[in-house]
């Protein structure tokens, strides 16, 4: 199996896409960042805000994406489109 080096730019684009999709769906569902943070038992609305923008290298992990998909009532794959 060949291994591939993943550039930092590729990973940043990946995380930015996911964050933008979470933000878009969250806004469509009329849920604030604070409401989302509380619903997924996260103690920081700042993390949600930063992860949506991939600011300071903050991004959502799989567990967070799973919980967010349940709160927003969407299939988790919607974040990757």
N, C-alpha and C. Protein backbone atom coordinates (compact mmCIF):
# COMPACT_ATOMS: atom_id res chain seq x y z
N UNK A 1 0.84 -1.17 0.00
CA UNK A 1 0.00 0.00 0.00
C UNK A 1 0.89 1.24 0.00
N UNK A 2 0.61 2.13 -0.91
CA UNK A 2 1.38 3.37 -0.98
C UNK A 2 0.89 4.34 0.09
N UNK A 3 1.84 5.03 0.67
CA UNK A 3 1.45 6.08 1.60
C UNK A 3 1.54 7.41 0.89
N UNK A 4 0.72 8.32 1.30
CA UNK A 4 0.70 9.64 0.67
C UNK A 4 0.98 10.68 1.74
N UNK A 5 1.79 11.62 1.37
CA UNK A 5 2.00 12.75 2.27
C UNK A 5 0.86 13.73 2.07
N UNK A 6 0.23 14.08 3.14
CA UNK A 6 -0.87 15.02 3.07
C UNK A 6 -0.33 16.40 3.44
N UNK A 7 -0.49 17.32 2.55
CA UNK A 7 0.03 18.66 2.82
C UNK A 7 -0.84 19.35 3.86
N UNK A 8 -0.23 20.28 4.54
CA UNK A 8 -0.97 21.07 5.52
C UNK A 8 -2.11 21.82 4.85
N UNK A 9 -1.87 22.30 3.64
CA UNK A 9 -2.91 23.03 2.91
C UNK A 9 -4.12 22.14 2.62
N UNK A 10 -3.88 20.88 2.28
CA UNK A 10 -4.98 19.94 2.04
C UNK A 10 -5.81 19.75 3.30
N UNK A 11 -5.13 19.54 4.42
CA UNK A 11 -5.84 19.32 5.68
C UNK A 11 -6.61 20.56 6.10
N UNK A 12 -6.00 21.73 5.92
CA UNK A 12 -6.69 22.97 6.27
C UNK A 12 -7.95 23.14 5.43
N UNK A 13 -7.86 22.86 4.14
CA UNK A 13 -9.03 22.96 3.26
C UNK A 13 -10.11 21.99 3.70
N UNK A 14 -9.72 20.79 4.09
CA UNK A 14 -10.65 19.76 4.56
C UNK A 14 -11.39 20.25 5.81
N UNK A 15 -10.64 20.73 6.79
CA UNK A 15 -11.26 21.21 8.04
C UNK A 15 -12.12 22.45 7.81
N UNK A 16 -11.69 23.34 6.92
CA UNK A 16 -12.47 24.54 6.61
C UNK A 16 -13.80 24.17 5.97
N UNK A 17 -13.76 23.19 5.08
CA UNK A 17 -14.99 22.74 4.41
C UNK A 17 -15.98 22.17 5.42
N UNK A 18 -15.50 21.33 6.31
CA UNK A 18 -16.36 20.74 7.33
C UNK A 18 -16.94 21.83 8.23
N UNK A 19 -16.09 22.74 8.68
CA UNK A 19 -16.56 23.82 9.54
C UNK A 19 -17.60 24.69 8.87
N UNK A 20 -17.37 25.01 7.60
CA UNK A 20 -18.33 25.83 6.84
C UNK A 20 -19.65 25.10 6.69
N UNK A 21 -19.60 23.80 6.46
CA UNK A 21 -20.83 23.03 6.32
C UNK A 21 -21.60 22.95 7.64
N UNK A 22 -20.88 22.76 8.74
CA UNK A 22 -21.54 22.75 10.06
C UNK A 22 -22.22 24.10 10.28
N UNK A 23 -21.50 25.18 10.02
CA UNK A 23 -22.05 26.53 10.22
C UNK A 23 -23.29 26.75 9.37
N UNK A 24 -23.21 26.38 8.11
CA UNK A 24 -24.33 26.58 7.19
C UNK A 24 -25.57 25.81 7.64
N UNK A 25 -25.38 24.55 7.98
CA UNK A 25 -26.51 23.72 8.42
C UNK A 25 -27.06 24.24 9.75
N UNK A 26 -26.16 24.62 10.66
CA UNK A 26 -26.59 25.15 11.96
C UNK A 26 -27.45 26.39 11.76
N UNK A 27 -27.03 27.29 10.89
CA UNK A 27 -27.78 28.52 10.64
C UNK A 27 -29.13 28.21 9.98
N UNK A 28 -29.13 27.24 9.06
CA UNK A 28 -30.38 26.84 8.42
C UNK A 28 -31.38 26.33 9.45
N UNK A 29 -30.87 25.65 10.47
CA UNK A 29 -31.72 25.09 11.52
C UNK A 29 -32.02 26.13 12.60
N UNK A 30 -31.50 27.35 12.43
CA UNK A 30 -31.74 28.45 13.37
C UNK A 30 -31.29 28.11 14.79
N UNK A 31 -30.08 27.58 14.89
CA UNK A 31 -29.48 27.22 16.17
C UNK A 31 -28.22 28.06 16.35
N UNK A 32 -28.07 28.68 17.51
CA UNK A 32 -26.90 29.50 17.76
C UNK A 32 -25.70 28.63 18.13
N UNK A 33 -24.54 29.23 18.09
CA UNK A 33 -23.33 28.51 18.50
C UNK A 33 -23.44 28.11 19.96
N UNK A 34 -23.98 28.97 20.79
CA UNK A 34 -24.15 28.65 22.20
C UNK A 34 -25.10 27.47 22.39
N UNK A 35 -26.22 27.49 21.69
CA UNK A 35 -27.18 26.38 21.80
C UNK A 35 -26.53 25.07 21.36
N UNK A 36 -25.75 25.13 20.29
CA UNK A 36 -25.08 23.93 19.81
C UNK A 36 -24.06 23.43 20.82
N UNK A 37 -23.26 24.34 21.35
CA UNK A 37 -22.25 23.96 22.35
C UNK A 37 -22.90 23.27 23.55
N UNK A 38 -23.97 23.86 24.04
CA UNK A 38 -24.67 23.27 25.19
C UNK A 38 -25.29 21.92 24.84
N UNK A 39 -25.84 21.81 23.64
CA UNK A 39 -26.51 20.57 23.23
C UNK A 39 -25.54 19.39 23.10
N UNK A 40 -24.28 19.68 22.76
CA UNK A 40 -23.31 18.58 22.63
C UNK A 40 -22.43 18.45 23.88
N UNK A 41 -22.88 19.12 24.95
CA UNK A 41 -22.17 19.08 26.24
C UNK A 41 -20.74 19.59 26.13
N UNK A 42 -20.56 20.63 25.34
CA UNK A 42 -19.24 21.25 25.21
C UNK A 42 -19.25 22.52 26.05
N UNK A 43 -18.19 22.73 26.78
CA UNK A 43 -18.18 23.86 27.71
C UNK A 43 -17.69 25.17 27.09
N UNK A 44 -17.46 25.18 25.78
CA UNK A 44 -16.91 26.39 25.17
C UNK A 44 -17.58 26.71 23.85
N UNK A 45 -18.31 27.82 23.83
CA UNK A 45 -18.87 28.29 22.57
C UNK A 45 -17.74 28.76 21.66
N UNK A 46 -16.63 29.19 22.27
CA UNK A 46 -15.47 29.63 21.50
C UNK A 46 -14.92 28.54 20.60
N UNK A 47 -14.94 27.31 21.09
CA UNK A 47 -14.44 26.20 20.26
C UNK A 47 -15.33 26.02 19.04
N UNK A 48 -16.64 26.11 19.23
CA UNK A 48 -17.56 25.98 18.10
C UNK A 48 -17.26 27.07 17.08
N UNK A 49 -17.14 28.30 17.55
CA UNK A 49 -16.88 29.43 16.65
C UNK A 49 -15.57 29.25 15.90
N UNK A 50 -14.53 28.85 16.60
CA UNK A 50 -13.21 28.68 15.97
C UNK A 50 -13.20 27.48 15.02
N UNK A 51 -13.86 26.40 15.40
CA UNK A 51 -13.88 25.21 14.55
C UNK A 51 -14.68 25.44 13.27
N UNK A 52 -15.73 26.24 13.35
CA UNK A 52 -16.50 26.55 12.14
C UNK A 52 -15.66 27.30 11.12
N UNK A 53 -14.69 28.06 11.61
CA UNK A 53 -13.83 28.85 10.72
C UNK A 53 -12.43 28.27 10.56
N UNK A 54 -12.15 27.18 11.26
CA UNK A 54 -10.81 26.61 11.35
C UNK A 54 -9.81 27.69 11.74
N UNK A 55 -10.14 28.37 12.82
CA UNK A 55 -9.29 29.44 13.33
C UNK A 55 -8.39 28.88 14.42
N UNK A 56 -7.13 29.28 14.39
CA UNK A 56 -6.12 28.82 15.35
C UNK A 56 -5.97 27.29 15.34
N UNK A 57 -6.25 26.68 14.20
CA UNK A 57 -6.09 25.24 14.06
C UNK A 57 -7.16 24.41 14.76
N UNK A 58 -8.21 25.06 15.25
CA UNK A 58 -9.30 24.34 15.92
C UNK A 58 -10.22 23.71 14.89
N UNK A 59 -10.58 22.46 15.13
CA UNK A 59 -11.50 21.76 14.23
C UNK A 59 -12.32 20.77 15.03
N UNK A 60 -13.38 20.29 14.41
CA UNK A 60 -14.26 19.32 15.05
C UNK A 60 -13.65 17.93 14.97
N UNK A 61 -13.79 17.16 16.04
CA UNK A 61 -13.37 15.76 15.98
C UNK A 61 -14.59 14.90 15.63
N UNK A 62 -14.37 13.63 15.44
CA UNK A 62 -15.46 12.75 15.01
C UNK A 62 -16.60 12.68 16.02
N UNK A 63 -16.27 12.62 17.28
CA UNK A 63 -17.31 12.56 18.30
C UNK A 63 -18.17 13.82 18.26
N UNK A 64 -17.53 14.97 18.13
CA UNK A 64 -18.28 16.22 18.05
C UNK A 64 -19.16 16.25 16.81
N UNK A 65 -18.63 15.81 15.67
CA UNK A 65 -19.42 15.78 14.44
C UNK A 65 -20.62 14.84 14.58
N UNK A 66 -20.41 13.71 15.23
CA UNK A 66 -21.51 12.77 15.46
C UNK A 66 -22.61 13.43 16.29
N UNK A 67 -22.20 14.06 17.38
CA UNK A 67 -23.18 14.72 18.26
C UNK A 67 -23.88 15.87 17.53
N UNK A 68 -23.11 16.65 16.79
CA UNK A 68 -23.69 17.78 16.05
C UNK A 68 -24.70 17.28 15.02
N UNK A 69 -24.38 16.17 14.36
CA UNK A 69 -25.31 15.62 13.37
C UNK A 69 -26.63 15.22 14.03
N UNK A 70 -26.56 14.70 15.25
CA UNK A 70 -27.78 14.31 15.97
C UNK A 70 -28.58 15.55 16.39
N UNK A 71 -27.89 16.57 16.88
CA UNK A 71 -28.55 17.80 17.31
C UNK A 71 -29.22 18.50 16.13
N UNK A 72 -28.51 18.54 15.00
CA UNK A 72 -29.03 19.22 13.81
C UNK A 72 -29.95 18.33 12.98
N UNK A 73 -30.05 17.07 13.37
CA UNK A 73 -30.90 16.10 12.69
C UNK A 73 -30.55 15.96 11.21
N UNK A 74 -29.25 15.76 10.95
CA UNK A 74 -28.76 15.52 9.60
C UNK A 74 -27.81 14.33 9.62
N UNK A 75 -27.66 13.71 8.47
CA UNK A 75 -26.68 12.64 8.35
C UNK A 75 -25.29 13.24 8.44
N UNK A 76 -24.41 12.59 9.15
CA UNK A 76 -23.05 13.11 9.35
C UNK A 76 -22.32 13.36 8.03
N UNK A 77 -22.70 12.64 6.99
CA UNK A 77 -22.04 12.82 5.70
C UNK A 77 -22.29 14.21 5.10
N UNK A 78 -23.33 14.90 5.57
CA UNK A 78 -23.62 16.25 5.07
C UNK A 78 -22.48 17.21 5.37
N UNK A 79 -21.71 16.95 6.40
CA UNK A 79 -20.60 17.83 6.74
C UNK A 79 -19.41 17.69 5.78
N UNK A 80 -19.39 16.60 5.05
CA UNK A 80 -18.24 16.30 4.18
C UNK A 80 -18.49 16.63 2.71
N UNK A 81 -19.63 17.18 2.39
CA UNK A 81 -19.99 17.46 0.99
C UNK A 81 -19.49 18.80 0.54
